[in-house]
Amino acid sequence: VGGNMERKGLLTLIRATNLLKNKYRLKVNVVGNDPKINNYKAICRKLDIENYFIFLGTISPTHLKDLYSQADLFVLPSHEEALGISILEAMAFNTPVIGSNIGGIPEIIENYCNGLLIEPGNEKMLANMIREIIENEYLRKNIVANAKSTLNNFSTEKMLNCTIDLYNKVLK
């Protein structure tokens, strides 16, 4: 979900999907626009996984909510990410998450607790984590259950209070 698919790690997800194509019939929804989207589509064609990917472009918030609620998994294999709001959105819809161990994502995801973390650009690790989520129902349910309490840490009120506290400390 988002723009700048290179930064979001779409190529890592494409390569991970390629590693899994002989074992699973995956459906990957890619939301957002990017000037290089045709390059990603061409890579999918070359790897013979074009039928696994649906490039949706920009969609309405209602459609995005529907996708989150229907998804079996949300993946954000970013190479750089400030926070990862889309991870919190997916958690709010009881969707297990996988994200990169970079930027603000580890502030949200505690590995094997409320989500799974991969090293940026590591398609083999991502493929293994996807496989683990698909095959391990206990892990999947545990991640979703633990994610609910994570959302409390990122409420608007809590975020505003943290910002105010930070300003107060800086001003003193």
N, C-alpha and C. Protein backbone atom coordinates (compact mmCIF):
# COMPACT_ATOMS: atom_id res chain seq x y z
N VAL A 1 0.86 -1.17 0.00
CA VAL A 1 0.00 0.00 0.00
C VAL A 1 0.90 1.23 0.00
N GLY A 2 0.69 2.12 -0.99
CA GLY A 2 1.43 3.36 -1.03
C GLY A 2 2.08 3.59 -2.38
N GLY A 3 2.80 4.67 -2.48
CA GLY A 3 3.53 4.98 -3.70
C GLY A 3 4.98 4.57 -3.53
N ASN A 4 5.80 4.90 -4.51
CA ASN A 4 7.23 4.58 -4.49
C ASN A 4 7.45 3.11 -4.15
N MET A 5 7.05 2.25 -5.07
CA MET A 5 7.10 0.81 -4.85
C MET A 5 8.53 0.28 -4.65
N GLU A 6 9.51 1.00 -5.17
CA GLU A 6 10.89 0.59 -4.95
C GLU A 6 11.22 0.68 -3.46
N ARG A 7 10.88 1.81 -2.85
CA ARG A 7 11.12 2.01 -1.42
C ARG A 7 10.29 1.05 -0.58
N LYS A 8 9.09 0.74 -1.04
CA LYS A 8 8.20 -0.16 -0.31
C LYS A 8 8.63 -1.63 -0.44
N GLY A 9 9.60 -1.92 -1.30
CA GLY A 9 10.14 -3.28 -1.41
C GLY A 9 9.32 -4.22 -2.28
N LEU A 10 8.63 -3.67 -3.27
CA LEU A 10 7.80 -4.52 -4.13
C LEU A 10 8.62 -5.59 -4.83
N LEU A 11 9.82 -5.25 -5.28
CA LEU A 11 10.66 -6.24 -5.96
C LEU A 11 10.98 -7.42 -5.03
N THR A 12 11.20 -7.15 -3.76
CA THR A 12 11.44 -8.22 -2.78
C THR A 12 10.22 -9.13 -2.68
N LEU A 13 9.03 -8.53 -2.66
CA LEU A 13 7.80 -9.32 -2.60
C LEU A 13 7.60 -10.13 -3.88
N ILE A 14 7.91 -9.55 -5.02
CA ILE A 14 7.80 -10.28 -6.29
C ILE A 14 8.74 -11.49 -6.28
N ARG A 15 9.97 -11.28 -5.86
CA ARG A 15 10.95 -12.38 -5.84
C ARG A 15 10.56 -13.46 -4.82
N ALA A 16 10.02 -13.04 -3.68
CA ALA A 16 9.56 -14.01 -2.67
C ALA A 16 8.39 -14.83 -3.22
N THR A 17 7.48 -14.16 -3.91
CA THR A 17 6.34 -14.85 -4.52
C THR A 17 6.83 -15.87 -5.54
N ASN A 18 7.85 -15.50 -6.30
CA ASN A 18 8.43 -16.42 -7.28
C ASN A 18 8.98 -17.68 -6.60
N LEU A 19 9.58 -17.51 -5.42
CA LEU A 19 10.11 -18.65 -4.68
C LEU A 19 9.00 -19.57 -4.17
N LEU A 20 7.80 -19.04 -4.01
CA LEU A 20 6.68 -19.80 -3.45
C LEU A 20 5.71 -20.32 -4.51
N LYS A 21 5.91 -19.95 -5.76
CA LYS A 21 4.90 -20.21 -6.79
C LYS A 21 4.63 -21.69 -7.03
N ASN A 22 5.58 -22.55 -6.78
CA ASN A 22 5.36 -23.98 -7.00
C ASN A 22 4.63 -24.65 -5.85
N LYS A 23 4.52 -23.95 -4.71
CA LYS A 23 3.89 -24.55 -3.54
C LYS A 23 2.52 -23.95 -3.24
N TYR A 24 2.33 -22.66 -3.52
CA TYR A 24 1.09 -21.96 -3.17
C TYR A 24 0.57 -21.18 -4.37
N ARG A 25 -0.72 -21.03 -4.42
CA ARG A 25 -1.36 -20.16 -5.42
C ARG A 25 -1.72 -18.86 -4.69
N LEU A 26 -0.82 -17.90 -4.73
CA LEU A 26 -0.98 -16.66 -4.00
C LEU A 26 -1.70 -15.61 -4.84
N LYS A 27 -2.36 -14.69 -4.17
CA LYS A 27 -2.97 -13.52 -4.81
C LYS A 27 -2.44 -12.30 -4.07
N VAL A 28 -1.71 -11.47 -4.76
CA VAL A 28 -1.07 -10.31 -4.16
C VAL A 28 -1.72 -9.04 -4.72
N ASN A 29 -2.36 -8.28 -3.86
CA ASN A 29 -2.94 -6.99 -4.25
C ASN A 29 -1.92 -5.90 -3.97
N VAL A 30 -1.59 -5.14 -4.99
CA VAL A 30 -0.66 -4.02 -4.86
C VAL A 30 -1.48 -2.74 -5.02
N VAL A 31 -1.48 -1.92 -3.95
CA VAL A 31 -2.29 -0.70 -3.93
C VAL A 31 -1.38 0.51 -4.00
N GLY A 32 -1.67 1.42 -4.93
CA GLY A 32 -0.91 2.65 -5.06
C GLY A 32 -0.35 2.78 -6.46
N ASN A 33 0.14 3.96 -6.75
CA ASN A 33 0.70 4.25 -8.07
C ASN A 33 2.20 4.47 -7.97
N ASP A 34 2.87 4.17 -9.07
CA ASP A 34 4.30 4.36 -9.15
C ASP A 34 4.64 4.51 -10.63
N PRO A 35 5.52 5.45 -10.99
CA PRO A 35 5.88 5.62 -12.41
C PRO A 35 6.51 4.36 -13.03
N LYS A 36 7.08 3.49 -12.19
CA LYS A 36 7.75 2.28 -12.69
C LYS A 36 6.86 1.04 -12.63
N ILE A 37 5.55 1.22 -12.47
CA ILE A 37 4.66 0.08 -12.27
C ILE A 37 4.74 -0.89 -13.44
N ASN A 38 4.91 -0.38 -14.66
CA ASN A 38 5.00 -1.27 -15.83
C ASN A 38 6.25 -2.14 -15.77
N ASN A 39 7.32 -1.63 -15.17
CA ASN A 39 8.54 -2.44 -14.98
C ASN A 39 8.25 -3.63 -14.06
N TYR A 40 7.50 -3.38 -12.98
CA TYR A 40 7.16 -4.45 -12.05
C TYR A 40 6.25 -5.49 -12.71
N LYS A 41 5.33 -5.02 -13.52
CA LYS A 41 4.45 -5.94 -14.25
C LYS A 41 5.27 -6.80 -15.21
N ALA A 42 6.26 -6.19 -15.87
CA ALA A 42 7.12 -6.94 -16.80
C ALA A 42 7.94 -8.00 -16.06
N ILE A 43 8.43 -7.67 -14.88
CA ILE A 43 9.18 -8.64 -14.09
C ILE A 43 8.27 -9.81 -13.71
N CYS A 44 7.04 -9.51 -13.32
CA CYS A 44 6.08 -10.58 -12.99
C CYS A 44 5.82 -11.47 -14.20
N ARG A 45 5.68 -10.88 -15.39
CA ARG A 45 5.49 -11.67 -16.62
C ARG A 45 6.70 -12.56 -16.88
N LYS A 46 7.88 -11.98 -16.74
CA LYS A 46 9.13 -12.72 -17.01
C LYS A 46 9.27 -13.92 -16.06
N LEU A 47 8.84 -13.74 -14.81
CA LEU A 47 8.93 -14.83 -13.81
C LEU A 47 7.73 -15.77 -13.86
N ASP A 48 6.80 -15.48 -14.76
CA ASP A 48 5.58 -16.28 -14.92
C ASP A 48 4.73 -16.29 -13.64
N ILE A 49 4.63 -15.12 -13.02
CA ILE A 49 3.77 -14.98 -11.83
C ILE A 49 2.81 -13.80 -12.00
N GLU A 50 2.62 -13.37 -13.26
CA GLU A 50 1.75 -12.21 -13.49
C GLU A 50 0.33 -12.45 -13.02
N ASN A 51 -0.12 -13.70 -13.01
CA ASN A 51 -1.48 -14.00 -12.54
C ASN A 51 -1.59 -13.95 -11.03
N TYR A 52 -0.48 -13.88 -10.32
CA TYR A 52 -0.49 -13.79 -8.86
C TYR A 52 -0.69 -12.36 -8.38
N PHE A 53 -0.41 -11.39 -9.25
CA PHE A 53 -0.40 -9.98 -8.86
C PHE A 53 -1.55 -9.21 -9.49
N ILE A 54 -2.19 -8.39 -8.66
CA ILE A 54 -3.23 -7.48 -9.12
C ILE A 54 -2.78 -6.08 -8.74
N PHE A 55 -2.50 -5.27 -9.75
CA PHE A 55 -2.06 -3.89 -9.53
C PHE A 55 -3.30 -3.01 -9.57
N LEU A 56 -3.72 -2.53 -8.42
CA LEU A 56 -4.99 -1.82 -8.28
C LEU A 56 -4.89 -0.32 -8.46
N GLY A 57 -3.70 0.24 -8.39
CA GLY A 57 -3.56 1.69 -8.46
C GLY A 57 -4.15 2.33 -7.21
N THR A 58 -4.57 3.57 -7.33
CA THR A 58 -5.18 4.27 -6.21
C THR A 58 -6.62 3.79 -6.04
N ILE A 59 -6.99 3.49 -4.81
CA ILE A 59 -8.34 3.01 -4.54
C ILE A 59 -8.97 3.84 -3.42
N SER A 60 -10.25 3.70 -3.25
CA SER A 60 -10.96 4.45 -2.21
C SER A 60 -10.63 3.88 -0.83
N PRO A 61 -10.77 4.68 0.21
CA PRO A 61 -10.58 4.17 1.57
C PRO A 61 -11.51 2.99 1.88
N THR A 62 -12.72 3.01 1.36
CA THR A 62 -13.66 1.91 1.60
C THR A 62 -13.15 0.62 0.96
N HIS A 63 -12.64 0.73 -0.28
CA HIS A 63 -12.08 -0.45 -0.95
C HIS A 63 -10.85 -0.97 -0.20
N LEU A 64 -10.01 -0.05 0.29
CA LEU A 64 -8.83 -0.46 1.05
C LEU A 64 -9.23 -1.20 2.32
N LYS A 65 -10.25 -0.70 3.01
CA LYS A 65 -10.74 -1.39 4.21
C LYS A 65 -11.22 -2.80 3.86
N ASP A 66 -11.91 -2.94 2.74
CA ASP A 66 -12.37 -4.26 2.30
C ASP A 66 -11.18 -5.20 2.05
N LEU A 67 -10.14 -4.68 1.41
CA LEU A 67 -8.95 -5.50 1.15
C LEU A 67 -8.28 -5.95 2.44
N TYR A 68 -8.12 -5.01 3.38
CA TYR A 68 -7.52 -5.37 4.67
C TYR A 68 -8.34 -6.46 5.36
N SER A 69 -9.65 -6.31 5.36
CA SER A 69 -10.48 -7.26 6.10
C SER A 69 -10.54 -8.62 5.42
N GLN A 70 -10.30 -8.69 4.11
CA GLN A 70 -10.34 -9.96 3.39
C GLN A 70 -8.97 -10.63 3.30
N ALA A 71 -7.92 -9.90 3.60
CA ALA A 71 -6.56 -10.42 3.41
C ALA A 71 -6.20 -11.47 4.46
N ASP A 72 -5.45 -12.44 4.03
CA ASP A 72 -4.89 -13.45 4.93
C ASP A 72 -3.58 -12.97 5.54
N LEU A 73 -2.96 -11.97 4.89
CA LEU A 73 -1.65 -11.50 5.30
C LEU A 73 -1.40 -10.13 4.68
N PHE A 74 -0.69 -9.27 5.42
CA PHE A 74 -0.25 -7.99 4.89
C PHE A 74 1.27 -7.96 4.96
N VAL A 75 1.90 -7.57 3.84
CA VAL A 75 3.36 -7.56 3.76
C VAL A 75 3.84 -6.17 3.37
N LEU A 76 4.78 -5.63 4.15
CA LEU A 76 5.43 -4.36 3.84
C LEU A 76 6.94 -4.56 3.95
N PRO A 77 7.56 -5.04 2.86
CA PRO A 77 9.01 -5.33 2.89
C PRO A 77 9.86 -4.12 2.53
N SER A 78 9.57 -2.99 3.13
CA SER A 78 10.22 -1.71 2.80
C SER A 78 11.73 -1.75 2.97
N HIS A 79 12.37 -0.91 2.17
CA HIS A 79 13.82 -0.67 2.30
C HIS A 79 14.06 0.54 3.19
N GLU A 80 13.02 1.37 3.31
CA GLU A 80 13.08 2.53 4.21
C GLU A 80 11.64 2.90 4.52
N GLU A 81 11.38 3.20 5.79
CA GLU A 81 10.01 3.48 6.22
C GLU A 81 10.05 4.27 7.51
N ALA A 82 9.32 5.37 7.55
CA ALA A 82 9.29 6.19 8.76
C ALA A 82 8.54 5.46 9.88
N LEU A 83 7.32 5.06 9.63
CA LEU A 83 6.55 4.37 10.67
C LEU A 83 5.87 3.13 10.15
N GLY A 84 5.12 3.23 9.09
CA GLY A 84 4.40 2.07 8.57
C GLY A 84 2.95 2.08 9.01
N ILE A 85 2.26 3.18 8.72
CA ILE A 85 0.85 3.32 9.09
C ILE A 85 0.03 2.16 8.52
N SER A 86 0.37 1.71 7.32
CA SER A 86 -0.40 0.62 6.71
C SER A 86 -0.32 -0.66 7.54
N ILE A 87 0.76 -0.83 8.28
CA ILE A 87 0.86 -2.00 9.18
C ILE A 87 -0.18 -1.88 10.29
N LEU A 88 -0.29 -0.68 10.86
CA LEU A 88 -1.31 -0.46 11.90
C LEU A 88 -2.72 -0.63 11.34
N GLU A 89 -2.93 -0.16 10.12
CA GLU A 89 -4.24 -0.33 9.49
C GLU A 89 -4.57 -1.81 9.32
N ALA A 90 -3.60 -2.60 8.84
CA ALA A 90 -3.83 -4.03 8.66
C ALA A 90 -4.11 -4.70 10.01
N MET A 91 -3.36 -4.33 11.04
CA MET A 91 -3.60 -4.88 12.38
C MET A 91 -5.01 -4.59 12.86
N ALA A 92 -5.51 -3.38 12.55
CA ALA A 92 -6.85 -2.99 12.97
C ALA A 92 -7.92 -3.87 12.34
N PHE A 93 -7.59 -4.50 11.22
CA PHE A 93 -8.53 -5.39 10.54
C PHE A 93 -8.20 -6.87 10.79
N ASN A 94 -7.44 -7.13 11.86
CA ASN A 94 -7.11 -8.51 12.27
C ASN A 94 -6.35 -9.28 11.19
N THR A 95 -5.50 -8.57 10.48
CA THR A 95 -4.69 -9.20 9.44
C THR A 95 -3.26 -9.34 9.94
N PRO A 96 -2.71 -10.56 9.94
CA PRO A 96 -1.32 -10.72 10.36
C PRO A 96 -0.39 -9.94 9.44
N VAL A 97 0.73 -9.46 9.99
CA VAL A 97 1.63 -8.59 9.24
C VAL A 97 3.06 -9.10 9.24
N ILE A 98 3.73 -8.80 8.12
CA ILE A 98 5.16 -9.01 7.98
C ILE A 98 5.73 -7.67 7.51
N GLY A 99 6.78 -7.21 8.17
CA GLY A 99 7.41 -5.95 7.78
C GLY A 99 8.92 -6.05 7.89
N SER A 100 9.59 -5.08 7.32
CA SER A 100 11.05 -5.05 7.37
C SER A 100 11.54 -4.51 8.70
N ASN A 101 12.66 -5.01 9.11
CA ASN A 101 13.31 -4.57 10.34
C ASN A 101 14.10 -3.29 10.05
N ILE A 102 13.33 -2.21 9.79
CA ILE A 102 13.96 -0.96 9.39
C ILE A 102 13.06 0.21 9.78
N GLY A 103 13.67 1.36 10.03
CA GLY A 103 12.91 2.58 10.33
C GLY A 103 12.01 2.39 11.54
N GLY A 104 10.78 2.84 11.42
CA GLY A 104 9.82 2.76 12.52
C GLY A 104 9.08 1.45 12.61
N ILE A 105 9.26 0.56 11.65
CA ILE A 105 8.51 -0.70 11.66
C ILE A 105 8.79 -1.53 12.92
N PRO A 106 10.05 -1.66 13.38
CA PRO A 106 10.28 -2.42 14.62
C PRO A 106 9.70 -1.73 15.87
N GLU A 107 9.31 -0.45 15.73
CA GLU A 107 8.60 0.22 16.82
C GLU A 107 7.17 -0.33 16.94
N ILE A 108 6.66 -0.87 15.85
CA ILE A 108 5.31 -1.43 15.82
C ILE A 108 5.35 -2.94 16.02
N ILE A 109 6.19 -3.61 15.23
CA ILE A 109 6.21 -5.08 15.22
C ILE A 109 7.25 -5.62 16.19
N GLU A 110 6.80 -6.47 17.08
CA GLU A 110 7.69 -7.28 17.91
C GLU A 110 7.72 -8.66 17.27
N ASN A 111 8.88 -9.06 16.78
CA ASN A 111 9.01 -10.28 15.99
C ASN A 111 8.45 -11.51 16.72
N TYR A 112 7.62 -12.23 16.01
CA TYR A 112 6.95 -13.44 16.49
C TYR A 112 6.00 -13.18 17.65
N CYS A 113 5.66 -11.92 17.88
CA CYS A 113 4.67 -11.58 18.90
C CYS A 113 3.42 -11.03 18.23
N ASN A 114 3.54 -9.84 17.62
CA ASN A 114 2.40 -9.24 16.95
C ASN A 114 2.60 -9.11 15.44
N GLY A 115 3.65 -9.73 14.95
CA GLY A 115 3.97 -9.72 13.53
C GLY A 115 5.32 -10.38 13.32
N LEU A 116 5.76 -10.38 12.09
CA LEU A 116 7.06 -10.97 11.76
C LEU A 116 7.93 -9.91 11.09
N LEU A 117 9.22 -9.95 11.36
CA LEU A 117 10.18 -9.00 10.79
C LEU A 117 11.15 -9.73 9.88
N ILE A 118 11.46 -9.09 8.75
CA ILE A 118 12.46 -9.62 7.83
C ILE A 118 13.55 -8.56 7.65
N GLU A 119 14.68 -9.00 7.16
CA GLU A 119 15.74 -8.05 6.80
C GLU A 119 15.39 -7.46 5.44
N PRO A 120 15.54 -6.15 5.26
CA PRO A 120 15.18 -5.52 3.99
C PRO A 120 15.89 -6.19 2.81
N GLY A 121 15.12 -6.45 1.75
CA GLY A 121 15.68 -7.02 0.53
C GLY A 121 15.90 -8.52 0.56
N ASN A 122 15.58 -9.17 1.66
CA ASN A 122 15.84 -10.60 1.79
C ASN A 122 14.60 -11.41 1.37
N GLU A 123 14.53 -11.70 0.06
CA GLU A 123 13.35 -12.40 -0.47
C GLU A 123 13.23 -13.83 0.05
N LYS A 124 14.33 -14.49 0.34
CA LYS A 124 14.26 -15.86 0.89
C LYS A 124 13.65 -15.85 2.29
N MET A 125 14.08 -14.89 3.09
CA MET A 125 13.53 -14.75 4.44
C MET A 125 12.04 -14.41 4.37
N LEU A 126 11.68 -13.52 3.45
CA LEU A 126 10.27 -13.16 3.29
C LEU A 126 9.45 -14.37 2.84
N ALA A 127 9.96 -15.13 1.90
CA ALA A 127 9.25 -16.33 1.44
C ALA A 127 9.04 -17.30 2.60
N ASN A 128 10.06 -17.47 3.43
CA ASN A 128 9.94 -18.36 4.59
C ASN A 128 8.90 -17.85 5.59
N MET A 129 8.86 -16.54 5.81
CA MET A 129 7.88 -15.97 6.73
C MET A 129 6.46 -16.11 6.19
N ILE A 130 6.28 -15.90 4.89
CA ILE A 130 4.97 -16.09 4.27
C ILE A 130 4.54 -17.54 4.44
N ARG A 131 5.44 -18.45 4.17
CA ARG A 131 5.16 -19.89 4.32
C ARG A 131 4.76 -20.20 5.77
N GLU A 132 5.47 -19.60 6.71
CA GLU A 132 5.19 -19.83 8.12
C GLU A 132 3.78 -19.35 8.50
N ILE A 133 3.41 -18.17 8.02
CA ILE A 133 2.07 -17.64 8.30
C ILE A 133 1.00 -18.54 7.67
N ILE A 134 1.23 -19.00 6.46
CA ILE A 134 0.25 -19.86 5.77
C ILE A 134 0.08 -21.18 6.51
N GLU A 135 1.17 -21.77 6.94
CA GLU A 135 1.13 -23.14 7.47
C GLU A 135 0.93 -23.24 8.98
N ASN A 136 1.19 -22.16 9.72
CA ASN A 136 1.13 -22.23 11.18
C ASN A 136 -0.06 -21.43 11.70
N GLU A 137 -1.19 -22.10 11.85
CA GLU A 137 -2.41 -21.45 12.29
C GLU A 137 -2.27 -20.86 13.69
N TYR A 138 -1.56 -21.57 14.58
CA TYR A 138 -1.35 -21.07 15.94
C TYR A 138 -0.61 -19.74 15.91
N LEU A 139 0.46 -19.66 15.13
CA LEU A 139 1.24 -18.42 15.02
C LEU A 139 0.37 -17.30 14.46
N ARG A 140 -0.38 -17.60 13.42
CA ARG A 140 -1.25 -16.60 12.79
C ARG A 140 -2.24 -16.02 13.80
N LYS A 141 -2.92 -16.90 14.54
CA LYS A 141 -3.91 -16.45 15.52
C LYS A 141 -3.26 -15.66 16.65
N ASN A 142 -2.09 -16.09 17.08
CA ASN A 142 -1.36 -15.43 18.15
C ASN A 142 -0.94 -14.01 17.74
N ILE A 143 -0.45 -13.88 16.53
CA ILE A 143 -0.04 -12.58 16.01
C ILE A 143 -1.22 -11.62 15.99
N VAL A 144 -2.36 -12.08 15.49
CA VAL A 144 -3.55 -11.24 15.42
C VAL A 144 -4.01 -10.83 16.82
N ALA A 145 -4.01 -11.76 17.75
CA ALA A 145 -4.45 -11.46 19.12
C ALA A 145 -3.53 -10.43 19.77
N ASN A 146 -2.22 -10.58 19.60
CA ASN A 146 -1.27 -9.65 20.20
C ASN A 146 -1.27 -8.28 19.53
N ALA A 147 -1.66 -8.23 18.27
CA ALA A 147 -1.68 -6.95 17.54
C ALA A 147 -2.73 -6.01 18.11
N LYS A 148 -3.80 -6.54 18.67
CA LYS A 148 -4.86 -5.69 19.21
C LYS A 148 -4.32 -4.75 20.28
N SER A 149 -3.47 -5.25 21.18
CA SER A 149 -2.93 -4.39 22.22
C SER A 149 -1.91 -3.40 21.65
N THR A 150 -1.26 -3.75 20.55
CA THR A 150 -0.32 -2.84 19.90
C THR A 150 -1.02 -1.57 19.45
N LEU A 151 -2.22 -1.72 18.94
CA LEU A 151 -2.97 -0.57 18.43
C LEU A 151 -3.21 0.48 19.51
N ASN A 152 -3.36 0.04 20.75
CA ASN A 152 -3.56 0.98 21.86
C ASN A 152 -2.38 1.93 22.02
N ASN A 153 -1.18 1.46 21.69
CA ASN A 153 0.02 2.30 21.81
C ASN A 153 0.09 3.39 20.75
N PHE A 154 -0.73 3.27 19.72
CA PHE A 154 -0.66 4.22 18.61
C PHE A 154 -1.97 4.98 18.42
N SER A 155 -2.72 5.13 19.50
CA SER A 155 -3.96 5.91 19.42
C SER A 155 -3.59 7.38 19.20
N THR A 156 -4.51 8.14 18.65
CA THR A 156 -4.28 9.56 18.41
C THR A 156 -3.93 10.28 19.71
N GLU A 157 -4.68 9.98 20.75
CA GLU A 157 -4.43 10.62 22.04
C GLU A 157 -3.03 10.32 22.56
N LYS A 158 -2.63 9.07 22.48
CA LYS A 158 -1.31 8.68 22.98
C LYS A 158 -0.20 9.34 22.15
N MET A 159 -0.38 9.37 20.84
CA MET A 159 0.63 9.98 19.97
C MET A 159 0.74 11.49 20.25
N LEU A 160 -0.40 12.17 20.46
CA LEU A 160 -0.36 13.59 20.78
C LEU A 160 0.33 13.85 22.12
N ASN A 161 0.03 13.03 23.11
CA ASN A 161 0.67 13.18 24.42
C ASN A 161 2.18 12.98 24.32
N CYS A 162 2.62 12.02 23.54
CA CYS A 162 4.06 11.79 23.36
C CYS A 162 4.71 13.00 22.68
N THR A 163 4.03 13.57 21.70
CA THR A 163 4.56 14.73 21.00
C THR A 163 4.66 15.93 21.95
N ILE A 164 3.63 16.15 22.73
CA ILE A 164 3.63 17.25 23.70
C ILE A 164 4.75 17.04 24.72
N ASP A 165 4.91 15.83 25.23
CA ASP A 165 5.98 15.53 26.18
C ASP A 165 7.36 15.83 25.56
N LEU A 166 7.52 15.45 24.31
CA LEU A 166 8.79 15.69 23.62
C LEU A 166 9.06 17.19 23.50
N TYR A 167 8.04 17.95 23.09
CA TYR A 167 8.21 19.40 22.99
C TYR A 167 8.54 20.01 24.35
N ASN A 168 7.88 19.56 25.40
CA ASN A 168 8.15 20.08 26.74
C ASN A 168 9.59 19.80 27.15
N LYS A 169 10.10 18.62 26.85
CA LYS A 169 11.48 18.28 27.19
C LYS A 169 12.46 19.15 26.42
N VAL A 170 12.19 19.36 25.13
CA VAL A 170 13.08 20.17 24.29
C VAL A 170 13.08 21.63 24.76
N LEU A 171 11.91 22.13 25.14
CA LEU A 171 11.81 23.52 25.56
C LEU A 171 12.43 23.78 26.92
N LYS A 172 12.56 22.76 27.74
CA LYS A 172 13.19 22.94 29.06
C LYS A 172 14.66 22.96 28.86
